[in-house]
Each structure stands twice: as structure tokens, then as C-alpha cells.
Protein backbone atom coordinates (compact mmCIF):
# COMPACT_ATOMS: atom_id res chain seq x y z
CA MET A 1 -0.04 0.27 -0.05
CA PRO A 2 1.27 3.32 -1.22
CA ALA A 3 2.37 5.72 2.28
CA GLU A 4 -0.01 8.59 0.58
CA GLN A 5 -2.65 5.76 0.84
CA SER A 6 -1.96 4.53 3.88
CA ALA A 7 -1.87 7.98 5.86
CA ALA A 8 -4.86 8.97 4.18
CA SER A 9 -6.64 6.14 5.88
CA VAL A 10 -5.53 7.15 8.77
CA PRO A 11 -8.84 8.59 10.84
CA ALA A 12 -8.48 12.25 12.11
CA PRO A 13 -8.21 12.53 16.43
CA ARG A 14 -10.94 12.50 18.19
CA PHE A 15 -11.66 16.08 18.88
CA VAL A 16 -13.94 17.83 21.78
CA ILE A 17 -14.06 21.28 22.66
CA ILE A 18 -14.77 21.68 26.15
CA THR A 19 -17.46 25.18 27.00
CA GLY A 20 -19.99 26.63 29.10
CA MET A 21 -20.70 28.01 32.09
CA SER A 22 -17.83 29.27 34.25
CA GLY A 23 -17.99 27.52 37.53
CA ALA A 24 -19.93 24.53 35.95
CA GLY A 25 -16.64 22.37 35.97
CA ARG A 26 -14.64 23.03 33.06
CA SER A 27 -11.59 22.80 34.36
CA TYR A 28 -12.52 19.89 36.34
CA ALA A 29 -13.80 17.93 32.79
CA ILE A 30 -10.55 19.17 31.41
CA LYS A 31 -8.71 16.94 34.13
CA CYS A 32 -10.68 13.99 33.64
CA LEU A 33 -10.17 13.89 29.95
CA GLU A 34 -6.48 14.34 30.63
CA ASP A 35 -6.89 11.36 32.80
CA LEU A 36 -8.43 9.18 29.76
CA GLY A 37 -5.54 10.05 27.59
CA TYR A 38 -6.49 13.11 25.89
CA PHE A 39 -3.95 15.74 24.87
CA CYS A 40 -5.84 18.80 26.92
CA VAL A 41 -4.77 22.83 26.08
CA ASP A 42 -6.75 24.94 27.97
CA ASN A 43 -7.58 28.47 26.70
CA LEU A 44 -6.17 28.36 23.30
CA PRO A 45 -7.26 31.43 21.28
CA THR A 46 -10.04 29.74 19.39
CA THR A 47 -8.45 31.25 16.04
CA LEU A 48 -5.28 29.07 16.43
CA ILE A 49 -7.34 25.98 17.16
CA PRO A 50 -7.09 24.73 13.24
CA THR A 51 -3.55 25.38 12.97
CA PHE A 52 -3.17 23.44 16.46
CA ALA A 53 -5.22 20.57 15.22
CA GLU A 54 -2.89 20.42 12.24
CA LEU A 55 -0.09 20.24 13.96
CA CYS A 56 -1.28 17.72 16.42
CA GLU A 57 -2.25 15.16 13.41
CA HIS A 58 0.98 15.35 11.90
CA SER A 59 3.24 15.29 15.56
CA SER A 60 5.23 11.88 15.69
CA ARG A 61 3.36 11.52 19.46
CA ASP A 62 0.40 9.78 17.31
CA ILE A 63 -2.10 11.85 19.44
CA ARG A 64 -5.55 10.51 18.58
CA MET A 65 -7.66 12.38 21.34
CA ILE A 66 -7.74 15.93 21.93
CA ALA A 67 -9.51 18.08 24.39
CA LEU A 68 -9.91 22.08 24.29
CA GLY A 69 -10.98 24.13 27.23
CA VAL A 70 -12.99 27.79 25.70
CA ASP A 71 -14.47 29.91 28.37
CA ILE A 72 -15.83 32.86 28.17
CA ARG A 73 -12.17 34.99 29.16
CA GLU A 74 -11.67 34.42 25.51
CA GLY A 75 -13.41 37.50 24.81
CA GLU A 76 -13.72 38.45 21.03
CA TYR A 77 -12.02 34.98 20.18
CA LEU A 78 -15.08 32.98 21.65
CA ALA A 79 -16.62 35.04 18.87
CA HIS A 80 -15.17 33.11 15.85
CA LEU A 81 -15.70 29.79 17.49
CA MET A 82 -18.84 28.76 15.15
CA GLU A 83 -15.91 30.02 12.27
CA THR A 84 -13.16 27.58 13.71
CA LEU A 85 -15.47 24.57 13.97
CA ASP A 86 -16.22 25.15 10.45
CA LYS A 87 -12.68 25.01 9.20
CA LEU A 88 -12.20 21.97 11.61
CA ARG A 89 -14.95 20.17 9.71
CA ALA A 90 -13.11 21.39 6.41
CA GLN A 91 -10.34 19.40 7.47
CA GLY A 92 -11.50 16.19 7.86
CA HIS A 93 -12.02 16.70 11.90
CA LYS A 94 -15.46 16.22 13.87
CA PRO A 95 -15.45 18.45 16.56
CA GLU A 96 -17.70 17.91 19.26
CA VAL A 97 -18.66 20.54 21.52
CA LEU A 98 -19.40 19.72 25.40
CA PHE A 99 -21.33 22.46 26.93
CA LEU A 100 -21.52 22.50 30.57
CA GLU A 101 -24.17 24.48 32.61
CA ALA A 102 -25.71 24.33 35.80
CA GLY A 103 -28.54 26.43 37.81
CA GLU A 104 -27.89 30.24 39.05
CA GLU A 105 -28.24 29.17 42.48
CA THR A 106 -25.69 26.59 42.24
CA LEU A 107 -23.06 28.62 40.58
CA VAL A 108 -23.49 31.25 43.05
CA ARG A 109 -22.81 29.34 46.16
CA ARG A 110 -19.82 27.71 44.18
CA TYR A 111 -18.18 31.28 43.53
CA GLN A 112 -18.79 32.53 47.13
CA GLU A 113 -17.05 28.83 48.07
CA THR A 114 -13.91 29.62 46.10
CA ARG A 115 -14.32 33.71 46.85
CA ARG A 116 -13.54 34.11 43.02
CA ARG A 117 -14.78 36.97 41.06
CA HIS A 118 -17.20 36.02 37.93
CA PRO A 119 -15.48 36.94 34.75
CA LEU A 120 -18.59 39.10 33.79
CA ALA A 121 -18.96 40.68 36.96
CA GLY A 122 -17.43 43.83 36.82
CA GLU A 123 -18.56 46.32 39.53
CA GLY A 124 -21.91 44.33 39.64
CA SER A 125 -23.19 40.91 41.50
CA VAL A 126 -22.12 37.57 40.62
CA LEU A 127 -25.52 36.76 39.48
CA GLU A 128 -25.39 39.78 37.25
CA GLY A 129 -22.28 37.97 35.90
CA ILE A 130 -24.00 34.59 35.36
CA ARG A 131 -26.67 35.92 33.67
CA ALA A 132 -24.47 37.90 31.47
CA GLU A 133 -22.43 35.03 30.97
CA ARG A 134 -25.63 32.93 29.82
CA THR A 135 -26.99 35.27 27.57
CA ALA A 136 -23.52 35.42 25.76
CA LEU A 137 -23.46 31.58 25.25
CA ALA A 138 -26.61 31.13 24.45
CA HIS A 139 -25.78 30.12 20.49
CA LEU A 140 -22.83 28.20 21.59
CA ARG A 141 -25.48 26.35 23.84
CA GLY A 142 -27.71 25.60 20.61
CA VAL A 143 -24.75 24.03 18.35
CA ALA A 144 -23.18 21.60 21.17
CA ASP A 145 -23.37 17.99 20.75
CA ARG A 146 -23.69 17.01 24.35
CA ILE A 147 -25.39 19.40 27.49
CA ILE A 148 -24.38 18.27 30.88
CA ASP A 149 -26.25 20.01 33.60
CA THR A 150 -23.60 19.52 36.88
CA THR A 151 -26.31 21.84 38.97
CA GLY A 152 -27.10 18.40 41.52
CA LEU A 153 -23.81 16.31 40.38
CA SER A 154 -21.10 15.44 42.59
CA VAL A 155 -17.46 15.72 40.77
CA HIS A 156 -17.42 11.68 41.11
CA GLN A 157 -20.89 11.70 39.03
CA LEU A 158 -19.37 14.45 36.66
CA LYS A 159 -16.50 12.05 36.09
CA ASP A 160 -18.75 8.98 35.38
CA ARG A 161 -20.87 11.00 32.75
CA LEU A 162 -17.33 12.09 31.12
CA VAL A 163 -15.79 8.71 31.09
CA GLU A 164 -18.97 7.23 29.87
CA ALA A 165 -19.22 9.68 26.84
CA TYR A 166 -15.47 10.07 26.00
CA GLY A 167 -13.86 7.11 27.65
CA PRO A 168 -12.27 4.34 25.41
CA HIS A 169 -16.04 3.11 25.31
CA GLY A 170 -17.95 6.16 23.93
CA SER A 171 -18.90 6.33 20.45
CA ARG A 172 -17.91 8.94 17.88
CA ASP A 173 -19.94 8.04 15.33
CA GLY A 174 -23.58 7.14 15.16
CA LEU A 175 -25.93 8.00 17.60
CA THR A 176 -25.67 7.78 21.62
CA VAL A 177 -29.01 7.34 23.21
CA SER A 178 -29.30 8.06 27.05
CA LEU A 179 -32.39 7.13 28.51
CA MET A 180 -32.94 9.02 32.20
CA SER A 181 -35.13 8.82 34.69
CA PHE A 182 -36.02 11.62 37.51
CA GLY A 183 -38.02 13.04 39.92
CA PHE A 184 -40.06 16.45 38.77
CA LYS A 185 -39.95 17.69 42.55
CA HIS A 186 -35.94 17.64 42.41
CA GLY A 187 -35.99 19.73 39.08
CA ALA A 188 -36.19 18.31 35.23
CA PRO A 189 -33.31 18.09 33.35
CA TYR A 190 -31.61 20.92 31.39
CA ASP A 191 -29.61 17.95 29.35
CA ALA A 192 -32.56 16.17 28.41
CA ASP A 193 -33.90 16.31 24.22
CA LEU A 194 -37.01 14.42 24.99
CA VAL A 195 -38.85 14.96 28.00
CA PHE A 196 -42.07 12.61 29.08
CA ASP A 197 -44.12 13.27 32.45
CA VAL A 198 -45.61 9.73 33.52
CA ARG A 199 -47.06 11.16 37.18
CA PHE A 200 -50.44 10.28 35.74
CA LEU A 201 -49.74 6.36 36.49
CA PRO A 202 -50.88 5.20 39.88
CA ASN A 203 -47.89 5.72 42.19
CA PRO A 204 -46.10 2.84 44.24
CA HIS A 205 -44.85 5.37 46.46
CA PHE A 206 -48.52 4.87 48.19
CA VAL A 207 -48.27 1.03 48.27
CA ALA A 208 -46.34 0.27 51.82
CA ALA A 209 -44.64 -3.01 50.52
CA LEU A 210 -43.28 -1.10 47.11
CA LYS A 211 -42.53 2.44 49.06
CA PRO A 212 -39.22 0.96 49.94
CA LEU A 213 -38.52 -0.53 46.84
CA ASP A 214 -37.29 1.11 43.62
CA GLY A 215 -38.50 0.52 39.81
CA ARG A 216 -35.86 -2.05 39.35
CA ASP A 217 -37.24 -4.01 41.46
CA GLU A 218 -39.59 -6.58 40.36
CA PRO A 219 -42.84 -6.23 42.50
CA VAL A 220 -42.84 -2.28 41.68
CA ALA A 221 -42.40 -3.24 37.98
CA GLN A 222 -45.13 -5.60 38.18
CA TYR A 223 -47.31 -2.81 39.86
CA VAL A 224 -46.73 -0.40 37.71
CA LEU A 225 -46.90 -2.46 34.24
CA SER A 226 -50.39 -3.84 35.50
CA PHE A 227 -51.98 -0.76 34.52
CA GLU A 228 -53.28 -0.56 30.58
CA GLU A 229 -52.38 3.04 30.27
CA ALA A 230 -48.56 2.29 31.34
CA ARG A 231 -48.33 -0.59 28.70
CA GLN A 232 -50.01 1.82 26.32
CA LEU A 233 -47.58 4.31 26.76
CA LEU A 234 -44.80 2.03 26.91
CA ALA A 235 -45.81 0.78 23.25
CA LYS A 236 -46.00 4.27 22.30
CA LEU A 237 -42.74 5.09 23.58
CA GLU A 238 -40.91 2.48 21.82
CA ASP A 239 -42.97 3.20 18.61
CA LEU A 240 -41.82 6.74 18.82
CA LEU A 241 -38.07 6.06 19.23
CA ARG A 242 -37.88 3.83 16.55
CA PHE A 243 -39.48 6.71 14.77
CA LEU A 244 -36.70 9.31 15.67
CA VAL A 245 -34.00 7.76 16.22
CA PRO A 246 -32.96 6.77 12.02
CA LEU A 247 -34.37 10.40 11.99
CA TYR A 248 -31.88 11.63 14.12
CA GLN A 249 -28.98 9.73 12.96
CA ARG A 250 -29.81 10.74 9.22
CA GLU A 251 -29.39 14.85 10.51
CA GLY A 252 -26.12 13.78 12.12
CA LYS A 253 -27.15 13.96 15.98
CA ALA A 254 -24.36 13.26 17.98
CA TYR A 255 -26.38 12.49 21.06
CA LEU A 256 -30.01 11.75 22.14
CA THR A 257 -31.08 12.11 25.85
CA VAL A 258 -34.72 10.86 26.51
CA ALA A 259 -35.83 11.77 30.52
CA ILE A 260 -38.83 10.08 32.12
CA GLY A 261 -40.11 12.08 35.06
CA CYS A 262 -42.49 11.34 38.27
CA THR A 263 -42.75 12.65 41.32
CA GLY A 264 -39.71 11.67 43.35
CA GLY A 265 -37.85 9.83 40.36
CA ARG A 266 -37.63 6.42 42.02
CA HIS A 267 -40.66 3.97 40.67
CA ARG A 268 -42.72 4.57 38.08
CA SER A 269 -39.86 6.46 35.89
CA VAL A 270 -37.39 3.87 36.67
CA THR A 271 -39.62 1.07 35.55
CA LEU A 272 -40.50 2.52 32.01
CA VAL A 273 -36.61 3.30 31.55
CA GLU A 274 -35.93 -0.06 32.17
CA SER A 275 -38.28 -1.08 30.27
CA LEU A 276 -37.30 0.76 26.98
CA ARG A 277 -33.78 -0.39 27.65
CA ARG A 278 -34.76 -3.89 26.89
CA ALA A 279 -36.94 -2.64 24.21
CA LEU A 280 -33.95 -0.77 22.64
CA GLU A 281 -31.65 -3.49 22.96
CA ALA A 282 -33.56 -6.20 21.23
CA THR A 283 -33.30 -4.00 18.23
CA GLY A 284 -29.47 -4.62 18.62
CA ALA A 285 -29.00 -0.50 20.11
CA ALA A 286 -26.88 -0.36 23.06
CA PRO A 287 -28.41 2.90 25.34
CA VAL A 288 -26.74 4.41 28.32
CA VAL A 289 -29.06 4.17 31.19
CA ARG A 290 -29.23 6.54 34.11
CA HIS A 291 -31.79 6.72 37.34
CA ARG A 292 -30.93 10.58 38.39
CA ASP A 293 -33.01 10.64 41.54
CA ILE A 294 -32.99 6.91 42.60
CA ASP A 295 -31.22 7.11 45.77
CA ARG A 296 -32.72 10.68 46.59
CA GLU A 297 -35.80 10.89 49.14
């Protein structure tokens, strides 16, 4: 095989751009990806990213995974990020944008704990800076391939999410489908593409023998699915996903997060997510499952 053909057959490095709200965990995410073997650089001016990518591609170090941190401190360079993404794609790369965010109360508390100044606060309050940053980054959030809301996540949980998405088994091709159960009383997830409310189903919480169990336990699953409306809903959700997933794949979407919520996130939503998991696995898919609130009261 000619050397030129051999070089051309080598896939471009995996390229992840980490951005989002200040205080949402970007620096920690960069450290996690570094631990996973990514070549990481923080706050590289966005206009230099295509040149940097080209240098990495021809480096003798055989760099196969790259992660770059970009935040609001990039100032005018941040405005060029969309153009930079287009240049990377023209070079044959498939840049993935990871956007980290968190609720206002959480971000304010984190800044108070670290006693740092928010980069956009100026002479105003931290909250004013957070709101200004959220507005400034709205367009970038809109083009992100993956959004992770770190409001209720510990650093260990955030690491698990990153390993799941970008570790050795994370898929860079095709569509990754995530199924999430949650409780509305703990807040709806920010990072979901599709959200379904199943609070109309009879609640096992009010059955004494079922209350201490969760939706993964067979008695709870049998109770939830004993109702005709639950079985009909499950069948309709299965049909909907069978219809939507190929369309999202055709459109080039990298991640699809389907969230199902009940009151507390321990019984009904968990049972339905587990049932959907089995249905999708039967089609050959390998959905990622997360029960966000299963251990919360």
C-alpha cells in the first residue's frame, strides 16, 4: 500500500471542545479527559485551533484524542468559534462541543465557596455576571453536541458521565441514546432532548410494601405495568423512538437524551426507563441508562 494511501486511511483524531458556564466544572472536565488519555490545552485562542489541530495530526506523538477548553475569558476570540468549527470540519475533523452548565443558585454558591470573581461580574454582583454569561453563550449552547447540567452532580458523578461519553468505549460515530429517569420534585433535567411526564400513572409510593423499593425491583415493575395505561404508554414510547432514532441519525445528531419523570424519580419513571432499555437492546441498540434521583428522598 502506498505511503500516501496509508496516511490518508488513518482517521482524524477525536476532537472535543469543552465550554460552558464559568463554575460549571469545565476545568475539572479537562482534567478528567486528560486522565482518559486526551491531549488537553486550556484557553487556546480559538483562531489558532485549526493550526493546532493540523500540528497534532502531523505530530510524531500520534495524538489520537484532543480536548480543548474554551470559556468566556476568550473574549473576542469566542466570537470566532463557529468559524473555527467550520474550518475544523473542512480539515476532515469531527469536532464535538461539550457544554457544561448549572443553575444560578448552584453557580452563585460555588463562587461564594471559592471566593473568586466572576469574569463578567465587573462592578456588579456574581448573579449579574452569571446572567450576562448565559446570554453571551446561548448561541454556543445551541450548537453543542452534548450538554451536561452539573447542578446536582458530585465530582464523582460528573467524572462517570465524562468517562461514559468520552472514555475508551464512548462512540464517536452514530447516535448515542441516553435514557434518564428523574423526579420532578428535584427539578426537570436541563440536558434532555425529549421529556415525558408519567405522573398520571398510579404511584407505588403509596403502597406500603413497595415504597422502600425502586423501579428496578420486580414487585414495583409488575405493579406499574399492571395498568393498561402504563403498557400503552410504553408501547407508544417504543414506537416513537423507533421512528425518531433513524431520523436523528440521518440528521447527524451525536447524542439523544430521553428523560422520563415521575414525582420522586424512584418508581414509575425507573420502571419505564428499564423497560425501554430492554426494548431498545432487543433492536441491537446499546442505550446508556441513568437514574438521576433514585437514591434521593
